[in-house]
Amino acid sequence: MEPEVRNKLDLAIEIRDVYAREILDFAGNPAIEVEVLAGGEIIGKASMAGKNYSKKEQTEKQQVHIEEKIELLNSQIAPDIIGENVFEQRKIDTILKENGNEQTSFAISLAVARAAAAAEKIPLYRYLGGVRAVHPSMPQLIRKEEIEIEKIKEIKIDESTVLTKLFERILKEQNEGNKMILSQETAGTEDSFLVDLAVAANITMILVENRESAYYTVLNNRLLQLEEKRQSQEIREK
């Protein structure tokens, strides 16, 4: 199956609430976590690290900036999404791109997909990848020094990314026969979404800066979890 976010138009579960809160990323900078509530008790959460600040910039002004983004999301963006079908990812992503607030787009887009996956009772990578993710290949965590990065297309995720556009770009690169590596623009949070996205899109490499970092541990733990599930599935199928 082509790596694309699927619209489940034959199903309908209404998004009942969208809420953003402040957390800290592994660099100690403010980040946003978004929670999407759909149907009865279906919850999708996602977080995305924001801008990396220098010590000089870690001021009261920085705090105000993150609070303004959260207020904007909760008061202006959430009402546009509440009431939408959680399975209509493309429509929701279009709303996010059209409202002009790109600094929170990815966390919302991902939280919606997580809620949809939870509604279907399947992992995020299965929801995003479809049939091709039934027997997934596990990506490697790679440092820049270990590869010829100039020969590989880096797919970098930032705050303005939405899933449907991301998968359209990945599909284009795959059709052109390009090797890809998935990366995140800023320091990570405790959200291991890069692993699920790589598995769903059959991207075999994830770029990491430091194997000693807390974020590396988060990604590696998710990889180990998926590998264990894959091995258990293979044993059941024999």
Protein backbone atom coordinates (compact mmCIF):
# COMPACT_ATOMS: atom_id res chain seq x y z
CA MET A 1 0.00 0.00 0.00
CA GLU A 2 1.23 3.51 -0.74
CA PRO A 3 2.33 5.35 2.41
CA GLU A 4 -0.57 7.68 2.90
CA VAL A 5 -2.86 8.72 5.71
CA ARG A 6 -6.14 7.01 4.98
CA ASN A 7 -9.53 8.70 5.24
CA LYS A 8 -12.02 6.32 6.81
CA LEU A 9 -15.06 7.90 5.20
CA ASP A 10 -17.20 4.83 5.91
CA LEU A 11 -16.69 5.42 9.65
CA ALA A 12 -17.62 8.45 11.69
CA ILE A 13 -16.48 9.26 15.21
CA GLU A 14 -16.85 12.87 16.21
CA ILE A 15 -14.04 14.85 17.80
CA ARG A 16 -15.49 16.16 21.06
CA ASP A 17 -12.59 18.20 22.40
CA VAL A 18 -9.10 19.43 21.53
CA TYR A 19 -6.89 20.73 24.31
CA ALA A 20 -3.29 21.95 24.49
CA ARG A 21 -1.03 22.17 27.52
CA GLU A 22 2.58 23.10 28.20
CA ILE A 23 5.28 20.50 28.80
CA LEU A 24 9.10 20.64 28.63
CA ASP A 25 11.25 19.01 25.97
CA PHE A 26 14.52 17.26 26.74
CA ALA A 27 16.42 20.53 26.31
CA GLY A 28 14.32 22.12 29.02
CA ASN A 29 12.45 24.35 26.57
CA PRO A 30 8.66 24.77 26.63
CA ALA A 31 6.80 22.50 24.23
CA ILE A 32 3.16 21.83 23.51
CA GLU A 33 1.23 18.62 24.10
CA VAL A 34 -2.14 18.26 22.39
CA GLU A 35 -4.93 15.94 23.47
CA VAL A 36 -7.79 15.01 21.17
CA LEU A 37 -10.92 13.40 22.60
CA ALA A 38 -13.18 11.55 20.18
CA GLY A 39 -16.35 9.55 20.67
CA GLY A 40 -16.82 8.31 24.21
CA GLU A 41 -13.41 7.78 25.75
CA ILE A 42 -11.04 7.72 22.77
CA ILE A 43 -7.95 9.84 23.38
CA GLY A 44 -5.05 10.74 21.12
CA LYS A 45 -2.04 12.62 22.50
CA ALA A 46 0.96 14.09 20.74
CA SER A 47 3.77 16.48 21.61
CA MET A 48 6.27 18.36 19.51
CA ALA A 49 9.33 20.18 20.76
CA GLY A 50 9.41 23.85 19.89
CA LYS A 51 12.28 26.16 19.08
CA ASN A 52 15.63 25.49 20.78
CA TYR A 53 16.47 28.54 22.84
CA SER A 54 19.84 29.75 24.03
CA LYS A 55 20.32 30.52 27.71
CA LYS A 56 19.98 34.22 26.95
CA GLU A 57 16.60 33.65 25.33
CA GLN A 58 15.18 31.54 28.17
CA THR A 59 13.32 34.47 29.64
CA GLU A 60 9.87 35.53 30.65
CA LYS A 61 9.27 36.54 27.01
CA GLN A 62 9.78 32.91 25.94
CA GLN A 63 7.18 31.78 28.49
CA VAL A 64 4.69 34.31 27.20
CA HIS A 65 5.25 33.05 23.64
CA ILE A 66 4.36 29.45 24.48
CA GLU A 67 1.34 30.58 26.51
CA GLU A 68 0.11 32.62 23.56
CA LYS A 69 0.37 29.59 21.25
CA ILE A 70 -1.58 27.43 23.70
CA GLU A 71 -4.25 30.10 24.10
CA LEU A 72 -4.55 30.43 20.32
CA LEU A 73 -4.92 26.68 19.88
CA ASN A 74 -7.48 26.27 22.65
CA SER A 75 -9.58 29.32 21.79
CA GLN A 76 -9.38 29.59 17.98
CA ILE A 77 -8.11 26.37 16.37
CA ALA A 78 -9.85 23.78 18.56
CA PRO A 79 -13.36 25.06 17.70
CA ASP A 80 -12.61 24.55 13.98
CA ILE A 81 -11.75 20.88 14.59
CA ILE A 82 -14.31 19.93 17.23
CA GLY A 83 -17.21 18.17 15.54
CA GLU A 84 -15.12 16.81 12.67
CA ASN A 85 -14.86 13.09 11.95
CA VAL A 86 -11.62 11.85 13.53
CA PHE A 87 -11.00 9.61 10.49
CA GLU A 88 -11.01 12.52 8.01
CA GLN A 89 -7.32 13.27 8.44
CA ARG A 90 -6.95 15.07 5.13
CA LYS A 91 -9.82 17.45 5.85
CA ILE A 92 -8.49 18.21 9.33
CA ASP A 93 -4.96 18.79 8.01
CA THR A 94 -6.39 21.19 5.42
CA ILE A 95 -8.13 23.13 8.20
CA LEU A 96 -4.83 23.33 10.10
CA LYS A 97 -2.93 24.65 7.07
CA GLU A 98 -5.63 27.19 6.21
CA ASN A 99 -5.93 28.72 9.68
CA GLY A 100 -2.37 30.06 9.48
CA ASN A 101 -1.14 28.86 12.89
CA GLU A 102 1.65 26.58 11.70
CA GLN A 103 3.44 26.44 15.07
CA THR A 104 1.04 23.85 16.46
CA SER A 105 -0.02 22.01 13.29
CA PHE A 106 2.03 18.85 13.72
CA ALA A 107 1.02 18.10 17.30
CA ILE A 108 -2.67 18.46 16.41
CA SER A 109 -2.38 16.43 13.19
CA LEU A 110 -0.57 13.63 15.01
CA ALA A 111 -2.96 13.64 17.98
CA VAL A 112 -5.91 13.26 15.60
CA ALA A 113 -4.21 10.27 13.91
CA ARG A 114 -3.48 8.72 17.30
CA ALA A 115 -7.12 9.07 18.31
CA ALA A 116 -8.21 7.45 15.03
CA ALA A 117 -5.74 4.58 15.57
CA ALA A 118 -7.04 4.13 19.12
CA ALA A 119 -10.61 4.00 17.77
CA GLU A 120 -9.58 1.13 15.48
CA LYS A 121 -7.57 -0.48 18.29
CA ILE A 122 -4.40 -0.65 16.19
CA PRO A 123 -0.94 0.93 16.62
CA LEU A 124 -0.25 4.29 15.01
CA TYR A 125 2.14 2.78 12.43
CA ARG A 126 -0.57 0.35 11.28
CA TYR A 127 -3.13 3.13 10.96
CA LEU A 128 -0.77 5.29 8.91
CA GLY A 129 0.89 2.54 6.90
CA GLY A 130 -2.03 0.22 6.24
CA VAL A 131 -1.33 -3.21 4.76
CA ARG A 132 2.37 -2.57 4.20
CA ALA A 133 2.84 -2.10 7.96
CA VAL A 134 1.44 -5.54 8.89
CA HIS A 135 4.97 -7.00 8.69
CA PRO A 136 7.03 -3.87 9.26
CA SER A 137 10.76 -3.36 8.81
CA MET A 138 12.45 -1.72 11.76
CA PRO A 139 14.40 1.50 11.06
CA GLN A 140 17.90 2.17 12.40
CA LEU A 141 18.86 5.13 14.57
CA ILE A 142 21.74 6.80 12.73
CA ARG A 143 24.10 9.71 13.43
CA LYS A 144 25.13 12.04 10.59
CA GLU A 145 28.74 10.95 10.92
CA GLU A 146 27.78 7.36 10.07
CA ILE A 147 26.30 8.05 6.62
CA GLU A 148 26.88 10.15 3.52
CA ILE A 149 24.06 12.50 4.36
CA GLU A 150 24.43 14.48 1.13
CA LYS A 151 23.35 11.37 -0.84
CA ILE A 152 20.21 10.89 1.23
CA LYS A 153 17.01 12.95 1.29
CA GLU A 154 16.42 14.20 4.82
CA ILE A 155 12.71 14.37 5.67
CA LYS A 156 12.65 16.86 8.51
CA ILE A 157 9.56 17.25 10.67
CA ASP A 158 8.88 20.60 12.30
CA GLU A 159 5.98 22.30 14.05
CA SER A 160 4.25 23.21 10.78
CA THR A 161 4.19 19.66 9.33
CA VAL A 162 0.86 17.88 8.82
CA LEU A 163 0.67 14.15 8.21
CA THR A 164 -1.04 14.13 4.82
CA LYS A 165 1.50 16.54 3.31
CA LEU A 166 4.34 14.62 4.94
CA PHE A 167 3.25 11.33 3.36
CA GLU A 168 2.72 13.00 -0.01
CA ARG A 169 6.34 14.15 0.06
CA ILE A 170 7.57 10.72 1.16
CA LEU A 171 5.63 9.06 -1.67
CA LYS A 172 7.13 11.50 -4.19
CA GLU A 173 10.66 10.74 -2.98
CA GLN A 174 10.01 6.99 -3.08
CA ASN A 175 8.64 7.19 -6.63
CA GLU A 176 11.85 8.98 -7.63
CA GLY A 177 13.90 6.20 -6.08
CA ASN A 178 15.48 8.39 -3.41
CA LYS A 179 16.88 7.09 -0.12
CA MET A 180 15.42 8.88 2.89
CA ILE A 181 16.20 9.53 6.52
CA LEU A 182 13.60 10.88 8.94
CA SER A 183 14.51 13.61 11.41
CA GLN A 184 13.01 16.11 13.82
CA GLU A 185 13.97 19.77 13.70
CA THR A 186 14.33 20.29 17.45
CA ALA A 187 15.12 18.49 20.69
CA GLY A 188 12.68 15.68 21.36
CA THR A 189 9.99 15.12 23.96
CA GLU A 190 8.91 11.79 25.41
CA ASP A 191 6.85 11.20 22.24
CA SER A 192 8.39 8.45 20.08
CA PHE A 193 6.36 9.32 16.97
CA LEU A 194 9.39 9.27 14.64
CA VAL A 195 9.61 5.49 14.97
CA ASP A 196 5.96 4.90 14.06
CA LEU A 197 6.18 7.29 11.12
CA ALA A 198 9.33 5.61 9.80
CA VAL A 199 7.76 2.15 10.09
CA ALA A 200 4.52 3.31 8.44
CA ALA A 201 6.35 4.89 5.50
CA ASN A 202 9.00 2.16 5.21
CA ILE A 203 11.84 4.61 5.87
CA THR A 204 14.82 2.65 7.14
CA MET A 205 16.76 5.41 8.95
CA ILE A 206 16.05 7.93 11.69
CA LEU A 207 18.57 10.69 12.31
CA VAL A 208 19.73 11.16 15.90
CA GLU A 209 22.31 13.59 17.28
CA ASN A 210 23.56 11.68 20.29
CA ARG A 211 23.21 8.08 21.45
CA GLU A 212 23.61 9.22 25.04
CA SER A 213 20.59 11.53 24.93
CA ALA A 214 17.28 10.92 26.68
CA TYR A 215 15.49 11.25 23.32
CA TYR A 216 17.60 8.47 21.81
CA THR A 217 16.48 6.24 24.69
CA VAL A 218 12.82 7.08 23.98
CA LEU A 219 13.17 6.16 20.31
CA ASN A 220 15.20 3.04 21.00
CA ASN A 221 12.70 1.79 23.58
CA ARG A 222 9.89 2.15 21.03
CA LEU A 223 11.94 0.24 18.46
CA LEU A 224 12.56 -2.57 20.95
CA GLN A 225 8.85 -2.66 21.76
CA LEU A 226 7.86 -2.96 18.09
CA GLU A 227 10.55 -5.56 17.41
CA GLU A 228 9.25 -7.68 20.27
CA LYS A 229 5.71 -7.45 18.89
CA ARG A 230 6.92 -8.40 15.42
CA GLN A 231 8.75 -11.47 16.72
CA SER A 232 5.69 -12.56 18.71
CA GLN A 233 3.54 -12.18 15.60
CA GLU A 234 5.94 -14.24 13.50
CA ILE A 235 5.88 -17.02 16.10
CA ARG A 236 2.05 -17.05 16.12
CA GLU A 237 1.93 -17.26 12.33
CA LYS A 238 4.26 -20.28 12.09
